[in-house]
Amino acid sequence: GSTHAMGWYRGAPGKQRELVAILSSGGDTDYAGFV
């Protein structure tokens, strides 16, 4: 329906959860540099 955005994070033991990828409602994407 009317979502604003969606995406993926990842978390490893001993590390902070980090953003991996975002998909905006308009279809724009953004990625972490490491992926």
ModelCIF file with pLDDT and N, C-alpha, C, O atoms, coordinates in Angstrom:
data_MODEL
#
_entry.id   MODEL 
#
_entity.id                         1 
_entity.type                       polymer 
_entity.pdbx_number_of_molecules   1 
#
_entity_poly.entity_id                      1 
_entity_poly.type                           'polypeptide(L)' 
_entity_poly.nstd_linkage                   no 
_entity_poly.nstd_monomer                   no 
_entity_poly.pdbx_seq_one_letter_code       GSTHAMGWYRGAPGKQRELVAILSSGGDTDYAGFV 
_entity_poly.pdbx_seq_one_letter_code_can   GSTHAMGWYRGAPGKQRELVAILSSGGDTDYAGFV 
_entity_poly.pdbx_strand_id                 A 
#
loop_
_entity_poly_seq.entity_id 
_entity_poly_seq.num 
_entity_poly_seq.mon_id 
_entity_poly_seq.hetero 
1 1  GLY n 
1 2  SER n 
1 3  THR n 
1 4  HIS n 
1 5  ALA n 
1 6  MET n 
1 7  GLY n 
1 8  TRP n 
1 9  TYR n 
1 10 ARG n 
1 11 GLY n 
1 12 ALA n 
1 13 PRO n 
1 14 GLY n 
1 15 LYS n 
1 16 GLN n 
1 17 ARG n 
1 18 GLU n 
1 19 LEU n 
1 20 VAL n 
1 21 ALA n 
1 22 ILE n 
1 23 LEU n 
1 24 SER n 
1 25 SER n 
1 26 GLY n 
1 27 GLY n 
1 28 ASP n 
1 29 THR n 
1 30 ASP n 
1 31 TYR n 
1 32 ALA n 
1 33 GLY n 
1 34 PHE n 
1 35 VAL n 
#
_struct_asym.id          A 
_struct_asym.entity_id   1 
#
loop_
_ma_qa_metric.id 
_ma_qa_metric.mode 
_ma_qa_metric.name 
_ma_qa_metric.software_group_id 
_ma_qa_metric.type 
1 global pLDDT . pLDDT 
2 local  pLDDT . pLDDT 
#
_ma_qa_metric_global.metric_id      1 
_ma_qa_metric_global.metric_value   92.80 
_ma_qa_metric_global.model_id       1 
_ma_qa_metric_global.ordinal_id     1 
#
loop_
_ma_qa_metric_local.label_asym_id 
_ma_qa_metric_local.label_comp_id 
_ma_qa_metric_local.label_seq_id 
_ma_qa_metric_local.metric_id 
_ma_qa_metric_local.metric_value 
_ma_qa_metric_local.model_id 
_ma_qa_metric_local.ordinal_id 
A GLY 1  2 80.00 1 1  
A SER 2  2 75.00 1 2  
A THR 3  2 81.00 1 3  
A HIS 4  2 82.00 1 4  
A ALA 5  2 94.00 1 5  
A MET 6  2 96.00 1 6  
A GLY 7  2 98.00 1 7  
A TRP 8  2 98.00 1 8  
A TYR 9  2 98.00 1 9  
A ARG 10 2 98.00 1 10 
A GLY 11 2 96.00 1 11 
A ALA 12 2 88.00 1 12 
A PRO 13 2 85.00 1 13 
A GLY 14 2 87.00 1 14 
A LYS 15 2 87.00 1 15 
A GLN 16 2 91.00 1 16 
A ARG 17 2 93.00 1 17 
A GLU 18 2 96.00 1 18 
A LEU 19 2 97.00 1 19 
A VAL 20 2 98.00 1 20 
A ALA 21 2 98.00 1 21 
A ILE 22 2 98.00 1 22 
A LEU 23 2 97.00 1 23 
A SER 24 2 94.00 1 24 
A SER 25 2 90.00 1 25 
A GLY 26 2 91.00 1 26 
A GLY 27 2 92.00 1 27 
A ASP 28 2 96.00 1 28 
A THR 29 2 97.00 1 29 
A ASP 30 2 97.00 1 30 
A TYR 31 2 98.00 1 31 
A ALA 32 2 97.00 1 32 
A GLY 33 2 96.00 1 33 
A PHE 34 2 95.00 1 34 
A VAL 35 2 94.00 1 35 
#
loop_
_atom_site.group_PDB 
_atom_site.id 
_atom_site.type_symbol 
_atom_site.label_atom_id 
_atom_site.label_alt_id 
_atom_site.label_comp_id 
_atom_site.label_asym_id 
_atom_site.label_entity_id 
_atom_site.label_seq_id 
_atom_site.pdbx_PDB_ins_code 
_atom_site.Cartn_x 
_atom_site.Cartn_y 
_atom_site.Cartn_z 
_atom_site.occupancy 
_atom_site.B_iso_or_equiv 
_atom_site.pdbx_formal_charge 
_atom_site.auth_seq_id 
_atom_site.auth_comp_id 
_atom_site.auth_asym_id 
_atom_site.auth_atom_id 
_atom_site.pdbx_PDB_model_num 
ATOM 1   N N  . GLY A 1 1  ? 0.818  -1.201  0.000  1.00 80.00 ? 1  GLY A N  1 
ATOM 2   C CA . GLY A 1 1  ? 0.000  0.000   0.000  1.00 80.00 ? 1  GLY A CA 1 
ATOM 3   C C  . GLY A 1 1  ? 0.850  1.249   0.000  1.00 80.00 ? 1  GLY A C  1 
ATOM 4   O O  . GLY A 1 1  ? 1.757  1.399   -0.819 1.00 80.00 ? 1  GLY A O  1 
ATOM 5   N N  . SER A 1 2  ? 0.548  2.158   0.939  1.00 75.00 ? 2  SER A N  1 
ATOM 6   C CA . SER A 1 2  ? 1.268  3.432   0.986  1.00 75.00 ? 2  SER A CA 1 
ATOM 7   C C  . SER A 1 2  ? 2.467  3.315   1.924  1.00 75.00 ? 2  SER A C  1 
ATOM 8   O O  . SER A 1 2  ? 2.458  3.857   3.029  1.00 75.00 ? 2  SER A O  1 
ATOM 9   N N  . THR A 1 3  ? 3.486  2.611   1.475  1.00 81.00 ? 3  THR A N  1 
ATOM 10  C CA . THR A 1 3  ? 4.707  2.506   2.277  1.00 81.00 ? 3  THR A CA 1 
ATOM 11  C C  . THR A 1 3  ? 5.623  3.685   1.953  1.00 81.00 ? 3  THR A C  1 
ATOM 12  O O  . THR A 1 3  ? 5.609  4.224   0.846  1.00 81.00 ? 3  THR A O  1 
ATOM 13  N N  . HIS A 1 4  ? 6.405  4.062   2.936  1.00 82.00 ? 4  HIS A N  1 
ATOM 14  C CA . HIS A 1 4  ? 7.360  5.151   2.745  1.00 82.00 ? 4  HIS A CA 1 
ATOM 15  C C  . HIS A 1 4  ? 8.672  4.620   2.191  1.00 82.00 ? 4  HIS A C  1 
ATOM 16  O O  . HIS A 1 4  ? 9.243  5.189   1.261  1.00 82.00 ? 4  HIS A O  1 
ATOM 17  N N  . ALA A 1 5  ? 9.134  3.541   2.765  1.00 94.00 ? 5  ALA A N  1 
ATOM 18  C CA . ALA A 1 5  ? 10.412 2.962   2.337  1.00 94.00 ? 5  ALA A CA 1 
ATOM 19  C C  . ALA A 1 5  ? 10.505 1.552   2.894  1.00 94.00 ? 5  ALA A C  1 
ATOM 20  O O  . ALA A 1 5  ? 9.737  1.155   3.771  1.00 94.00 ? 5  ALA A O  1 
ATOM 21  N N  . MET A 1 6  ? 11.440 0.823   2.376  1.00 96.00 ? 6  MET A N  1 
ATOM 22  C CA . MET A 1 6  ? 11.729 -0.514  2.890  1.00 96.00 ? 6  MET A CA 1 
ATOM 23  C C  . MET A 1 6  ? 13.200 -0.778  2.690  1.00 96.00 ? 6  MET A C  1 
ATOM 24  O O  . MET A 1 6  ? 13.857 -0.111  1.891  1.00 96.00 ? 6  MET A O  1 
ATOM 25  N N  . GLY A 1 7  ? 13.714 -1.743  3.409  1.00 98.00 ? 7  GLY A N  1 
ATOM 26  C CA . GLY A 1 7  ? 15.134 -1.986  3.251  1.00 98.00 ? 7  GLY A CA 1 
ATOM 27  C C  . GLY A 1 7  ? 15.632 -3.147  4.070  1.00 98.00 ? 7  GLY A C  1 
ATOM 28  O O  . GLY A 1 7  ? 14.862 -3.914  4.647  1.00 98.00 ? 7  GLY A O  1 
ATOM 29  N N  . TRP A 1 8  ? 16.948 -3.253  4.106  1.00 98.00 ? 8  TRP A N  1 
ATOM 30  C CA . TRP A 1 8  ? 17.626 -4.336  4.805  1.00 98.00 ? 8  TRP A CA 1 
ATOM 31  C C  . TRP A 1 8  ? 18.755 -3.770  5.665  1.00 98.00 ? 8  TRP A C  1 
ATOM 32  O O  . TRP A 1 8  ? 19.495 -2.877  5.252  1.00 98.00 ? 8  TRP A O  1 
ATOM 33  N N  . TYR A 1 9  ? 18.858 -4.314  6.860  1.00 98.00 ? 9  TYR A N  1 
ATOM 34  C CA . TYR A 1 9  ? 19.983 -4.089  7.750  1.00 98.00 ? 9  TYR A CA 1 
ATOM 35  C C  . TYR A 1 9  ? 20.654 -5.432  7.993  1.00 98.00 ? 9  TYR A C  1 
ATOM 36  O O  . TYR A 1 9  ? 20.103 -6.483  7.669  1.00 98.00 ? 9  TYR A O  1 
ATOM 37  N N  . ARG A 1 10 ? 21.832 -5.384  8.559  1.00 98.00 ? 10 ARG A N  1 
ATOM 38  C CA . ARG A 1 10 ? 22.475 -6.622  8.985  1.00 98.00 ? 10 ARG A CA 1 
ATOM 39  C C  . ARG A 1 10 ? 23.182 -6.415  10.308 1.00 98.00 ? 10 ARG A C  1 
ATOM 40  O O  . ARG A 1 10 ? 23.609 -5.309  10.637 1.00 98.00 ? 10 ARG A O  1 
ATOM 41  N N  . GLY A 1 11 ? 23.298 -7.497  11.061 1.00 96.00 ? 11 GLY A N  1 
ATOM 42  C CA . GLY A 1 11 ? 23.960 -7.434  12.345 1.00 96.00 ? 11 GLY A CA 1 
ATOM 43  C C  . GLY A 1 11 ? 24.842 -8.653  12.554 1.00 96.00 ? 11 GLY A C  1 
ATOM 44  O O  . GLY A 1 11 ? 24.426 -9.785  12.309 1.00 96.00 ? 11 GLY A O  1 
ATOM 45  N N  . ALA A 1 12 ? 26.046 -8.412  13.002 1.00 88.00 ? 12 ALA A N  1 
ATOM 46  C CA . ALA A 1 12 ? 26.984 -9.494  13.303 1.00 88.00 ? 12 ALA A CA 1 
ATOM 47  C C  . ALA A 1 12 ? 27.344 -9.415  14.783 1.00 88.00 ? 12 ALA A C  1 
ATOM 48  O O  . ALA A 1 12 ? 27.283 -8.338  15.377 1.00 88.00 ? 12 ALA A O  1 
ATOM 49  N N  . PRO A 1 13 ? 27.715 -10.537 15.381 1.00 85.00 ? 13 PRO A N  1 
ATOM 50  C CA . PRO A 1 13 ? 28.079 -10.534 16.808 1.00 85.00 ? 13 PRO A CA 1 
ATOM 51  C C  . PRO A 1 13 ? 29.174 -9.520  17.103 1.00 85.00 ? 13 PRO A C  1 
ATOM 52  O O  . PRO A 1 13 ? 30.199 -9.474  16.422 1.00 85.00 ? 13 PRO A O  1 
ATOM 53  N N  . GLY A 1 14 ? 28.940 -8.704  18.133 1.00 87.00 ? 14 GLY A N  1 
ATOM 54  C CA . GLY A 1 14 ? 29.934 -7.727  18.524 1.00 87.00 ? 14 GLY A CA 1 
ATOM 55  C C  . GLY A 1 14 ? 29.966 -6.484  17.671 1.00 87.00 ? 14 GLY A C  1 
ATOM 56  O O  . GLY A 1 14 ? 30.806 -5.610  17.883 1.00 87.00 ? 14 GLY A O  1 
ATOM 57  N N  . LYS A 1 15 ? 29.073 -6.387  16.715 1.00 87.00 ? 15 LYS A N  1 
ATOM 58  C CA . LYS A 1 15 ? 29.042 -5.213  15.841 1.00 87.00 ? 15 LYS A CA 1 
ATOM 59  C C  . LYS A 1 15 ? 27.661 -4.582  15.869 1.00 87.00 ? 15 LYS A C  1 
ATOM 60  O O  . LYS A 1 15 ? 26.653 -5.246  16.111 1.00 87.00 ? 15 LYS A O  1 
ATOM 61  N N  . GLN A 1 16 ? 27.643 -3.279  15.613 1.00 91.00 ? 16 GLN A N  1 
ATOM 62  C CA . GLN A 1 16 ? 26.364 -2.580  15.526 1.00 91.00 ? 16 GLN A CA 1 
ATOM 63  C C  . GLN A 1 16 ? 25.623 -3.000  14.273 1.00 91.00 ? 16 GLN A C  1 
ATOM 64  O O  . GLN A 1 16 ? 26.229 -3.323  13.251 1.00 91.00 ? 16 GLN A O  1 
ATOM 65  N N  . ARG A 1 17 ? 24.284 -2.991  14.369 1.00 93.00 ? 17 ARG A N  1 
ATOM 66  C CA . ARG A 1 17 ? 23.488 -3.273  13.182 1.00 93.00 ? 17 ARG A CA 1 
ATOM 67  C C  . ARG A 1 17 ? 23.752 -2.158  12.170 1.00 93.00 ? 17 ARG A C  1 
ATOM 68  O O  . ARG A 1 17 ? 23.782 -0.980  12.527 1.00 93.00 ? 17 ARG A O  1 
ATOM 69  N N  . GLU A 1 18 ? 23.943 -2.538  10.905 1.00 96.00 ? 18 GLU A N  1 
ATOM 70  C CA . GLU A 1 18 ? 24.282 -1.549  9.881  1.00 96.00 ? 18 GLU A CA 1 
ATOM 71  C C  . GLU A 1 18 ? 23.316 -1.646  8.703  1.00 96.00 ? 18 GLU A C  1 
ATOM 72  O O  . GLU A 1 18 ? 22.824 -2.717  8.347  1.00 96.00 ? 18 GLU A O  1 
ATOM 73  N N  . LEU A 1 19 ? 23.071 -0.480  8.118  1.00 97.00 ? 19 LEU A N  1 
ATOM 74  C CA . LEU A 1 19 ? 22.187 -0.408  6.966  1.00 97.00 ? 19 LEU A CA 1 
ATOM 75  C C  . LEU A 1 19 ? 22.869 -1.013  5.750  1.00 97.00 ? 19 LEU A C  1 
ATOM 76  O O  . LEU A 1 19 ? 24.042 -0.749  5.486  1.00 97.00 ? 19 LEU A O  1 
ATOM 77  N N  . VAL A 1 20 ? 22.125 -1.822  5.015  1.00 98.00 ? 20 VAL A N  1 
ATOM 78  C CA . VAL A 1 20 ? 22.649 -2.453  3.809  1.00 98.00 ? 20 VAL A CA 1 
ATOM 79  C C  . VAL A 1 20 ? 22.069 -1.788  2.558  1.00 98.00 ? 20 VAL A C  1 
ATOM 80  O O  . VAL A 1 20 ? 22.811 -1.390  1.660  1.00 98.00 ? 20 VAL A O  1 
ATOM 81  N N  . ALA A 1 21 ? 20.740 -1.670  2.505  1.00 98.00 ? 21 ALA A N  1 
ATOM 82  C CA . ALA A 1 21 ? 20.102 -1.150  1.301  1.00 98.00 ? 21 ALA A CA 1 
ATOM 83  C C  . ALA A 1 21 ? 18.742 -0.572  1.645  1.00 98.00 ? 21 ALA A C  1 
ATOM 84  O O  . ALA A 1 21 ? 18.059 -1.043  2.554  1.00 98.00 ? 21 ALA A O  1 
ATOM 85  N N  . ILE A 1 22 ? 18.360 0.463   0.896  1.00 98.00 ? 22 ILE A N  1 
ATOM 86  C CA . ILE A 1 22 ? 17.058 1.119   1.056  1.00 98.00 ? 22 ILE A CA 1 
ATOM 87  C C  . ILE A 1 22 ? 16.394 1.229   -0.301 1.00 98.00 ? 22 ILE A C  1 
ATOM 88  O O  . ILE A 1 22 ? 17.047 1.475   -1.315 1.00 98.00 ? 22 ILE A O  1 
ATOM 89  N N  . LEU A 1 23 ? 15.080 1.041   -0.300 1.00 97.00 ? 23 LEU A N  1 
ATOM 90  C CA . LEU A 1 23 ? 14.263 1.267   -1.493 1.00 97.00 ? 23 LEU A CA 1 
ATOM 91  C C  . LEU A 1 23 ? 13.157 2.228   -1.096 1.00 97.00 ? 23 LEU A C  1 
ATOM 92  O O  . LEU A 1 23 ? 12.318 1.907   -0.255 1.00 97.00 ? 23 LEU A O  1 
ATOM 93  N N  . SER A 1 24 ? 13.158 3.408   -1.703 1.00 94.00 ? 24 SER A N  1 
ATOM 94  C CA . SER A 1 24 ? 12.177 4.417   -1.333 1.00 94.00 ? 24 SER A CA 1 
ATOM 95  C C  . SER A 1 24 ? 10.839 4.135   -1.996 1.00 94.00 ? 24 SER A C  1 
ATOM 96  O O  . SER A 1 24 ? 10.738 3.289   -2.885 1.00 94.00 ? 24 SER A O  1 
ATOM 97  N N  . SER A 1 25 ? 9.821  4.847   -1.557 1.00 90.00 ? 25 SER A N  1 
ATOM 98  C CA . SER A 1 25 ? 8.496  4.676   -2.138 1.00 90.00 ? 25 SER A CA 1 
ATOM 99  C C  . SER A 1 25 ? 8.490  5.068   -3.604 1.00 90.00 ? 25 SER A C  1 
ATOM 100 O O  . SER A 1 25 ? 7.672  4.577   -4.381 1.00 90.00 ? 25 SER A O  1 
ATOM 101 N N  . GLY A 1 26 ? 9.399  5.949   -3.978 1.00 91.00 ? 26 GLY A N  1 
ATOM 102 C CA . GLY A 1 26 ? 9.478  6.379   -5.361 1.00 91.00 ? 26 GLY A CA 1 
ATOM 103 C C  . GLY A 1 26 ? 10.329 5.491   -6.240 1.00 91.00 ? 26 GLY A C  1 
ATOM 104 O O  . GLY A 1 26 ? 10.459 5.722   -7.442 1.00 91.00 ? 26 GLY A O  1 
ATOM 105 N N  . GLY A 1 27 ? 10.914 4.463   -5.621 1.00 92.00 ? 27 GLY A N  1 
ATOM 106 C CA . GLY A 1 27 ? 11.715 3.518   -6.397 1.00 92.00 ? 27 GLY A CA 1 
ATOM 107 C C  . GLY A 1 27 ? 13.205 3.801   -6.382 1.00 92.00 ? 27 GLY A C  1 
ATOM 108 O O  . GLY A 1 27 ? 13.987 3.075   -6.996 1.00 92.00 ? 27 GLY A O  1 
ATOM 109 N N  . ASP A 1 28 ? 13.600 4.858   -5.680 1.00 96.00 ? 28 ASP A N  1 
ATOM 110 C CA . ASP A 1 28 ? 15.037 5.139   -5.585 1.00 96.00 ? 28 ASP A CA 1 
ATOM 111 C C  . ASP A 1 28 ? 15.693 4.146   -4.636 1.00 96.00 ? 28 ASP A C  1 
ATOM 112 O O  . ASP A 1 28 ? 15.092 3.712   -3.653 1.00 96.00 ? 28 ASP A O  1 
ATOM 113 N N  . THR A 1 29 ? 16.927 3.798   -4.946 1.00 97.00 ? 29 THR A N  1 
ATOM 114 C CA . THR A 1 29 ? 17.676 2.865   -4.107 1.00 97.00 ? 29 THR A CA 1 
ATOM 115 C C  . THR A 1 29 ? 18.948 3.515   -3.587 1.00 97.00 ? 29 THR A C  1 
ATOM 116 O O  . THR A 1 29 ? 19.494 4.435   -4.195 1.00 97.00 ? 29 THR A O  1 
ATOM 117 N N  . ASP A 1 30 ? 19.398 3.020   -2.463 1.00 97.00 ? 30 ASP A N  1 
ATOM 118 C CA . ASP A 1 30 ? 20.657 3.478   -1.898 1.00 97.00 ? 30 ASP A CA 1 
ATOM 119 C C  . ASP A 1 30 ? 21.293 2.291   -1.198 1.00 97.00 ? 30 ASP A C  1 
ATOM 120 O O  . ASP A 1 30 ? 20.606 1.458   -0.609 1.00 97.00 ? 30 ASP A O  1 
ATOM 121 N N  . TYR A 1 31 ? 22.606 2.228   -1.271 1.00 98.00 ? 31 TYR A N  1 
ATOM 122 C CA . TYR A 1 31 ? 23.326 1.085   -0.731 1.00 98.00 ? 31 TYR A CA 1 
ATOM 123 C C  . TYR A 1 31 ? 24.501 1.532   0.122  1.00 98.00 ? 31 TYR A C  1 
ATOM 124 O O  . TYR A 1 31 ? 25.093 2.588   -0.103 1.00 98.00 ? 31 TYR A O  1 
ATOM 125 N N  . ALA A 1 32 ? 24.821 0.704   1.102  1.00 97.00 ? 32 ALA A N  1 
ATOM 126 C CA . ALA A 1 32 ? 26.048 0.928   1.852  1.00 97.00 ? 32 ALA A CA 1 
ATOM 127 C C  . ALA A 1 32 ? 27.227 0.717   0.920  1.00 97.00 ? 32 ALA A C  1 
ATOM 128 O O  . ALA A 1 32 ? 27.164 -0.093  -0.005 1.00 97.00 ? 32 ALA A O  1 
ATOM 129 N N  . GLY A 1 33 ? 28.284 1.439   1.166  1.00 96.00 ? 33 GLY A N  1 
ATOM 130 C CA . GLY A 1 33 ? 29.445 1.350   0.300  1.00 96.00 ? 33 GLY A CA 1 
ATOM 131 C C  . GLY A 1 33 ? 30.009 -0.047  0.206  1.00 96.00 ? 33 GLY A C  1 
ATOM 132 O O  . GLY A 1 33 ? 30.543 -0.436  -0.833 1.00 96.00 ? 33 GLY A O  1 
ATOM 133 N N  . PHE A 1 34 ? 29.895 -0.811  1.286  1.00 95.00 ? 34 PHE A N  1 
ATOM 134 C CA . PHE A 1 34 ? 30.511 -2.127  1.294  1.00 95.00 ? 34 PHE A CA 1 
ATOM 135 C C  . PHE A 1 34 ? 29.732 -3.169  0.491  1.00 95.00 ? 34 PHE A C  1 
ATOM 136 O O  . PHE A 1 34 ? 30.213 -4.288  0.312  1.00 95.00 ? 34 PHE A O  1 
ATOM 137 N N  . VAL A 1 35 ? 28.544 -2.823  0.006  1.00 94.00 ? 35 VAL A N  1 
ATOM 138 C CA . VAL A 1 35 ? 27.791 -3.765  -0.831 1.00 94.00 ? 35 VAL A CA 1 
ATOM 139 C C  . VAL A 1 35 ? 27.492 -3.204  -2.209 1.00 94.00 ? 35 VAL A C  1 
ATOM 140 O O  . VAL A 1 35 ? 26.866 -3.878  -3.027 1.00 94.00 ? 35 VAL A O  1 
#
